[in-house]
């Protein structure tokens, strides 16, 4: 019973991946490849830091920044060491059953994809920042950003939707834990 449920979910994940991965063109190939890069988003991170400084002043904002760094390291390392290396689920581009149907731009170094580090890191950053900044427009924009970064991984053929969802959940859970620590330490002291 359990095995048939796992097979059903795996097959549904593959079908969803193939549906979303098949829509591509040269413009989006370049766009999605660049969206997946870390350094292109430095202005976004600087803007979030500006908003944190504006709201909490420089001293608290810099302490909060240290927790952001900790959060991203936790998200990134947890996704690799507690998930990818344990589950060893092949990325779509390395899955011999479908690799010939997968549209890819560049093959990643790691063969395993569950959970997506990009999705985990993007949602961790997005969720912690929206909890701290507490601005409706910012919250919507940052969640859209995290979703686009995450979708780019499906577009590029390196993650299934399940990898993305798993990464997003991991990032959100870790961000809530870090937010509670920040709230009970940095934000508690006035």
Foldseek 3Di string as FASTA:
>chain_A
DVVVVVVVVVVVLVVQLLVLQQDDDPVVQVVLVVLLDDVVCVVVVVVLLVLLCVVPNDVLSVVVVVLLVVLLVCLQCCQVPVWCVVPVAFFQCLPVVRVVSGAADDDDPDRGPAAPSLLLSLLLVLQLSCVRNVDPVSNVVSVVSSVSNLSSCSNNRGHTVNNNVRSNVNSNVSSVVSSVVSCVPSVVPD
